[in-house]
Amino acid sequence: MTAPIIYVPGFVSNPDEVFAALWEQLAWEKRADAPRRECWMNDYNAPYTYGNGDHARTYEAGPWHELITGIRARLLAEHGADLNCCFVNGYENERQHLGWHADASKEMSHDHAIAVVSFGAEREIWFREKGTKGHESIGKLLLERGSLLIMNPGMQLTHEHRIPKASAPCGPRLSLTYRGLLDLS
């Protein structure tokens, strides 16, 4: 299985410094029903609701962090990715994860790519086409420190992805997930 992605190892040259600063300085939220810590920011100061029904969680926007805006500027300059929001996931250990999903909420534009920049412990991301269940249909990619993963526009309509629990002990990891938020005001 091949997913419509671009992978750029070493996109950030000082990943350990960026990781340490963001891990300590972001205004993290930790919800009892989420197996990770999270932080949300965007140009419109708009809230974001993740999930549906009983599993829905709404996040109020926090201020942009200068390191996150610097990476955002590089995404635009080097990849033409004009992205106006960032959801940050912080995984404290190998047990924290993100289940199968597509970033398909009504607030997000499918005309924009999704860019994921990884820091800290290296973890796998898995991909599968929507509607498939078997292991033979899963693609896997190791997200290295400082790497950039671009999920091409429209991929969320055809594929799902996840960050599974790691099979071996590992340290903390964080990912910056930049997307195109629609102006719903």
C-alpha atoms as a PDB file:
ATOM      1  CA  MET A   1       0.000   0.000   0.000  1.00  0.00           C
ATOM      2  CA  THR A   2       1.309   3.425  -0.879  1.00  0.00           C
ATOM      3  CA  ALA A   3      -0.121   6.573   0.624  1.00  0.00           C
ATOM      4  CA  PRO A   4       0.097   9.974  -1.110  1.00  0.00           C
ATOM      5  CA  ILE A   5       2.865  11.383   1.079  1.00  0.00           C
ATOM      6  CA  ILE A   6       6.215  13.155   0.923  1.00  0.00           C
ATOM      7  CA  TYR A   7       8.858  12.391   3.563  1.00  0.00           C
ATOM      8  CA  VAL A   8      11.767  14.736   4.293  1.00  0.00           C
ATOM      9  CA  PRO A   9      14.261  13.477   6.915  1.00  0.00           C
ATOM     10  CA  GLY A  10      16.290  16.146   8.728  1.00  0.00           C
ATOM     11  CA  PHE A  11      13.892  18.990   7.915  1.00  0.00           C
ATOM     12  CA  VAL A  12      14.757  20.613  11.283  1.00  0.00           C
ATOM     13  CA  SER A  13      18.505  20.737  11.939  1.00  0.00           C
ATOM     14  CA  ASN A  14      18.300  21.156  15.737  1.00  0.00           C
ATOM     15  CA  PRO A  15      15.456  18.789  16.693  1.00  0.00           C
ATOM     16  CA  ASP A  16      16.611  18.112  20.257  1.00  0.00           C
ATOM     17  CA  GLU A  17      16.711  21.835  21.117  1.00  0.00           C
ATOM     18  CA  VAL A  18      13.273  22.431  19.596  1.00  0.00           C
ATOM     19  CA  PHE A  19      11.864  19.403  21.424  1.00  0.00           C
ATOM     20  CA  ALA A  20      13.193  20.547  24.818  1.00  0.00           C
ATOM     21  CA  ALA A  21      11.840  24.078  24.402  1.00  0.00           C
ATOM     22  CA  LEU A  22       8.374  23.030  23.240  1.00  0.00           C
ATOM     23  CA  TRP A  23       8.019  20.200  25.775  1.00  0.00           C
ATOM     24  CA  GLU A  24       8.618  22.699  28.588  1.00  0.00           C
ATOM     25  CA  GLN A  25       7.039  25.890  27.223  1.00  0.00           C
ATOM     26  CA  LEU A  26       3.753  24.936  25.551  1.00  0.00           C
ATOM     27  CA  ALA A  27       0.446  25.321  27.400  1.00  0.00           C
ATOM     28  CA  TRP A  28      -0.365  21.609  27.244  1.00  0.00           C
ATOM     29  CA  GLU A  29      -3.823  20.206  27.916  1.00  0.00           C
ATOM     30  CA  LYS A  30      -4.164  16.683  29.292  1.00  0.00           C
ATOM     31  CA  ARG A  31      -7.641  15.213  29.010  1.00  0.00           C
ATOM     32  CA  ALA A  32      -8.561  12.041  30.878  1.00  0.00           C
ATOM     33  CA  ASP A  33      -9.909  10.430  27.699  1.00  0.00           C
ATOM     34  CA  ALA A  34      -6.888  11.245  25.498  1.00  0.00           C
ATOM     35  CA  PRO A  35      -3.785   9.021  25.673  1.00  0.00           C
ATOM     36  CA  ARG A  36      -1.423  11.979  25.124  1.00  0.00           C
ATOM     37  CA  ARG A  37      -1.034  15.703  25.903  1.00  0.00           C
ATOM     38  CA  GLU A  38      -2.255  18.268  23.366  1.00  0.00           C
ATOM     39  CA  CYS A  39      -2.027  21.932  22.385  1.00  0.00           C
ATOM     40  CA  TRP A  40      -3.944  23.916  19.702  1.00  0.00           C
ATOM     41  CA  MET A  41      -3.157  27.223  17.951  1.00  0.00           C
ATOM     42  CA  ASN A  42      -4.439  28.997  14.831  1.00  0.00           C
ATOM     43  CA  ASP A  43      -4.669  32.330  13.037  1.00  0.00           C
ATOM     44  CA  TYR A  44      -8.360  32.881  13.864  1.00  0.00           C
ATOM     45  CA  ASN A  45      -8.141  32.191  17.606  1.00  0.00           C
ATOM     46  CA  ALA A  46     -10.904  29.649  16.917  1.00  0.00           C
ATOM     47  CA  PRO A  47     -11.667  26.581  19.033  1.00  0.00           C
ATOM     48  CA  TYR A  48     -11.295  23.116  17.541  1.00  0.00           C
ATOM     49  CA  THR A  49     -13.399  20.045  18.278  1.00  0.00           C
ATOM     50  CA  TYR A  50     -11.713  16.683  17.786  1.00  0.00           C
ATOM     51  CA  GLY A  51     -13.827  13.538  17.591  1.00  0.00           C
ATOM     52  CA  ASN A  52     -17.554  12.932  17.688  1.00  0.00           C
ATOM     53  CA  GLY A  53     -20.289  12.169  20.203  1.00  0.00           C
ATOM     54  CA  ASP A  54     -19.130  11.102  23.654  1.00  0.00           C
ATOM     55  CA  HIS A  55     -15.502  11.194  22.498  1.00  0.00           C
ATOM     56  CA  ALA A  56     -15.574  14.814  21.275  1.00  0.00           C
ATOM     57  CA  ARG A  57     -13.082  17.193  22.883  1.00  0.00           C
ATOM     58  CA  THR A  58     -13.016  20.941  22.239  1.00  0.00           C
ATOM     59  CA  TYR A  59      -9.760  22.891  22.528  1.00  0.00           C
ATOM     60  CA  GLU A  60      -9.468  26.646  22.889  1.00  0.00           C
ATOM     61  CA  ALA A  61      -6.730  28.217  20.808  1.00  0.00           C
ATOM     62  CA  GLY A  62      -3.542  29.250  22.543  1.00  0.00           C
ATOM     63  CA  PRO A  63      -0.910  31.687  21.277  1.00  0.00           C
ATOM     64  CA  TRP A  64       1.523  30.678  18.550  1.00  0.00           C
ATOM     65  CA  HIS A  65       4.981  29.720  19.829  1.00  0.00           C
ATOM     66  CA  GLU A  66       7.845  31.371  17.940  1.00  0.00           C
ATOM     67  CA  LEU A  67       9.512  28.033  17.121  1.00  0.00           C
ATOM     68  CA  ILE A  68       6.240  26.740  15.661  1.00  0.00           C
ATOM     69  CA  THR A  69       5.757  29.880  13.547  1.00  0.00           C
ATOM     70  CA  GLY A  70       9.364  29.629  12.309  1.00  0.00           C
ATOM     71  CA  ILE A  71       8.784  26.073  11.091  1.00  0.00           C
ATOM     72  CA  ARG A  72       5.485  27.180   9.568  1.00  0.00           C
ATOM     73  CA  ALA A  73       7.300  29.892   7.579  1.00  0.00           C
ATOM     74  CA  ARG A  74       9.751  27.275   6.228  1.00  0.00           C
ATOM     75  CA  LEU A  75       6.854  25.032   5.178  1.00  0.00           C
ATOM     76  CA  LEU A  76       5.456  27.896   3.125  1.00  0.00           C
ATOM     77  CA  ALA A  77       8.815  28.981   1.676  1.00  0.00           C
ATOM     78  CA  GLU A  78      10.138  25.511   0.812  1.00  0.00           C
ATOM     79  CA  HIS A  79       6.975  23.498   0.111  1.00  0.00           C
ATOM     80  CA  GLY A  80       4.298  26.088  -0.696  1.00  0.00           C
ATOM     81  CA  ALA A  81       2.273  24.819   2.260  1.00  0.00           C
ATOM     82  CA  ASP A  82       0.169  27.788   3.416  1.00  0.00           C
ATOM     83  CA  LEU A  83      -1.105  26.338   6.701  1.00  0.00           C
ATOM     84  CA  ASN A  84      -2.859  28.427   9.341  1.00  0.00           C
ATOM     85  CA  CYS A  85      -3.233  26.132  12.347  1.00  0.00           C
ATOM     86  CA  CYS A  86      -1.186  23.665  14.359  1.00  0.00           C
ATOM     87  CA  PHE A  87      -2.277  20.870  16.670  1.00  0.00           C
ATOM     88  CA  VAL A  88       0.565  19.565  18.823  1.00  0.00           C
ATOM     89  CA  ASN A  89       0.518  16.055  20.269  1.00  0.00           C
ATOM     90  CA  GLY A  90       2.860  15.115  23.108  1.00  0.00           C
ATOM     91  CA  TYR A  91       3.467  11.420  23.803  1.00  0.00           C
ATOM     92  CA  GLU A  92       5.136  10.793  27.163  1.00  0.00           C
ATOM     93  CA  ASN A  93       6.107   7.170  26.485  1.00  0.00           C
ATOM     94  CA  GLU A  94       5.573   4.146  24.251  1.00  0.00           C
ATOM     95  CA  ARG A  95       2.047   3.486  25.614  1.00  0.00           C
ATOM     96  CA  GLN A  96       0.635   6.817  24.470  1.00  0.00           C
ATOM     97  CA  HIS A  97      -0.794   6.704  20.983  1.00  0.00           C
ATOM     98  CA  LEU A  98      -3.237   8.016  18.388  1.00  0.00           C
ATOM     99  CA  GLY A  99      -5.845   5.629  16.934  1.00  0.00           C
ATOM    100  CA  TRP A 100      -6.934   5.144  13.322  1.00  0.00           C
ATOM    101  CA  HIS A 101      -8.457   8.336  11.919  1.00  0.00           C
ATOM    102  CA  ALA A 102      -8.562  10.786   9.039  1.00  0.00           C
ATOM    103  CA  ASP A 103      -8.256  14.517   9.674  1.00  0.00           C
ATOM    104  CA  ALA A 104     -11.670  15.096   8.150  1.00  0.00           C
ATOM    105  CA  SER A 105     -13.428  17.521  10.478  1.00  0.00           C
ATOM    106  CA  LYS A 106     -15.627  20.189   8.898  1.00  0.00           C
ATOM    107  CA  GLU A 107     -13.222  22.934  10.038  1.00  0.00           C
ATOM    108  CA  MET A 108     -10.342  21.614   7.896  1.00  0.00           C
ATOM    109  CA  SER A 109      -9.768  22.204   4.185  1.00  0.00           C
ATOM    110  CA  HIS A 110      -9.097  19.154   2.012  1.00  0.00           C
ATOM    111  CA  ASP A 111      -7.478  21.501  -0.512  1.00  0.00           C
ATOM    112  CA  HIS A 112      -4.452  21.867   1.774  1.00  0.00           C
ATOM    113  CA  ALA A 113      -1.725  19.403   2.609  1.00  0.00           C
ATOM    114  CA  ILE A 114      -1.158  18.338   6.206  1.00  0.00           C
ATOM    115  CA  ALA A 115       2.426  18.702   7.435  1.00  0.00           C
ATOM    116  CA  VAL A 116       3.711  16.751  10.447  1.00  0.00           C
ATOM    117  CA  VAL A 117       7.079  17.631  11.976  1.00  0.00           C
ATOM    118  CA  SER A 118       8.394  15.128  14.560  1.00  0.00           C
ATOM    119  CA  PHE A 119      10.617  15.593  17.609  1.00  0.00           C
ATOM    120  CA  GLY A 120      11.867  13.376  20.426  1.00  0.00           C
ATOM    121  CA  ALA A 121      11.539   9.591  20.309  1.00  0.00           C
ATOM    122  CA  GLU A 122      11.211   8.090  16.853  1.00  0.00           C
ATOM    123  CA  ARG A 123       7.826   6.427  16.346  1.00  0.00           C
ATOM    124  CA  GLU A 124       6.037   4.761  13.460  1.00  0.00           C
ATOM    125  CA  ILE A 125       3.057   6.179  11.627  1.00  0.00           C
ATOM    126  CA  TRP A 126       0.793   3.675   9.877  1.00  0.00           C
ATOM    127  CA  PHE A 127      -1.387   4.327   6.817  1.00  0.00           C
ATOM    128  CA  ARG A 128      -4.243   2.407   5.227  1.00  0.00           C
ATOM    129  CA  GLU A 129      -6.869   3.082   2.622  1.00  0.00           C
ATOM    130  CA  LYS A 130     -10.295   3.727   4.101  1.00  0.00           C
ATOM    131  CA  GLY A 131     -12.392   0.585   4.278  1.00  0.00           C
ATOM    132  CA  THR A 132      -9.446  -1.830   4.594  1.00  0.00           C
ATOM    133  CA  LYS A 133      -8.791  -3.782   7.765  1.00  0.00           C
ATOM    134  CA  GLY A 134      -6.090  -6.413   7.138  1.00  0.00           C
ATOM    135  CA  HIS A 135      -2.430  -5.974   8.102  1.00  0.00           C
ATOM    136  CA  GLU A 136      -1.346  -6.566   4.500  1.00  0.00           C
ATOM    137  CA  SER A 137      -2.931  -3.220   3.551  1.00  0.00           C
ATOM    138  CA  ILE A 138      -0.998  -1.167   6.126  1.00  0.00           C
ATOM    139  CA  GLY A 139       1.951   1.002   5.163  1.00  0.00           C
ATOM    140  CA  LYS A 140       4.421   1.948   7.891  1.00  0.00           C
ATOM    141  CA  LEU A 141       6.968   4.763   8.149  1.00  0.00           C
ATOM    142  CA  LEU A 142       9.398   5.591  10.961  1.00  0.00           C
ATOM    143  CA  LEU A 143       9.180   9.291  11.815  1.00  0.00           C
ATOM    144  CA  GLU A 144      12.720  10.388  12.612  1.00  0.00           C
ATOM    145  CA  ARG A 145      13.714  13.342  14.828  1.00  0.00           C
ATOM    146  CA  GLY A 146      13.330  16.579  12.917  1.00  0.00           C
ATOM    147  CA  SER A 147      11.584  14.901   9.968  1.00  0.00           C
ATOM    148  CA  LEU A 148       8.747  16.335   7.911  1.00  0.00           C
ATOM    149  CA  LEU A 149       5.856  14.229   6.641  1.00  0.00           C
ATOM    150  CA  ILE A 150       3.503  15.854   4.147  1.00  0.00           C
ATOM    151  CA  MET A 151       0.148  14.190   3.563  1.00  0.00           C
ATOM    152  CA  ASN A 152      -0.937  15.511   0.183  1.00  0.00           C
ATOM    153  CA  PRO A 153      -4.212  17.420  -0.327  1.00  0.00           C
ATOM    154  CA  GLY A 154      -7.229  15.107  -0.402  1.00  0.00           C
ATOM    155  CA  MET A 155      -5.465  12.197   1.327  1.00  0.00           C
ATOM    156  CA  GLN A 156      -7.803  12.442   4.323  1.00  0.00           C
ATOM    157  CA  LEU A 157     -10.709  11.553   2.015  1.00  0.00           C
ATOM    158  CA  THR A 158      -9.099   8.261   0.935  1.00  0.00           C
ATOM    159  CA  HIS A 159      -6.770   7.167   3.775  1.00  0.00           C
ATOM    160  CA  GLU A 160      -6.539   6.841   7.554  1.00  0.00           C
ATOM    161  CA  HIS A 161      -3.427   7.010   9.711  1.00  0.00           C
ATOM    162  CA  ARG A 162      -2.391   6.307  13.295  1.00  0.00           C
ATOM    163  CA  ILE A 163       0.518   6.441  15.724  1.00  0.00           C
ATOM    164  CA  PRO A 164       0.360   3.002  17.391  1.00  0.00           C
ATOM    165  CA  LYS A 165       1.729   2.110  20.790  1.00  0.00           C
ATOM    166  CA  ALA A 166       5.431   1.334  20.422  1.00  0.00           C
ATOM    167  CA  SER A 167       6.587  -2.259  20.889  1.00  0.00           C
ATOM    168  CA  ALA A 168       9.660  -1.231  22.924  1.00  0.00           C
ATOM    169  CA  PRO A 169      10.200   1.369  25.642  1.00  0.00           C
ATOM    170  CA  CYS A 170      10.910   4.847  24.323  1.00  0.00           C
ATOM    171  CA  GLY A 171      11.085   8.380  25.614  1.00  0.00           C
ATOM    172  CA  PRO A 172       8.756  11.289  24.945  1.00  0.00           C
ATOM    173  CA  ARG A 173       7.836  12.495  21.475  1.00  0.00           C
ATOM    174  CA  LEU A 174       5.954  15.462  20.122  1.00  0.00           C
ATOM    175  CA  SER A 175       4.536  16.192  16.714  1.00  0.00           C
ATOM    176  CA  LEU A 176       3.506  19.478  15.160  1.00  0.00           C
ATOM    177  CA  THR A 177       0.559  18.908  12.835  1.00  0.00           C
ATOM    178  CA  TYR A 178      -0.045  21.893  10.561  1.00  0.00           C
ATOM    179  CA  ARG A 179      -3.304  22.054   8.602  1.00  0.00           C
ATOM    180  CA  GLY A 180      -5.507  24.423   6.629  1.00  0.00           C
ATOM    181  CA  LEU A 181      -8.309  25.650   8.852  1.00  0.00           C
ATOM    182  CA  LEU A 182     -11.337  27.136   7.130  1.00  0.00           C
ATOM    183  CA  ASP A 183     -12.408  30.592   8.281  1.00  0.00           C
ATOM    184  CA  LEU A 184     -15.820  29.649   9.692  1.00  0.00           C
ATOM    185  CA  SER A 185     -16.525  33.079  11.200  1.00  0.00           C
END
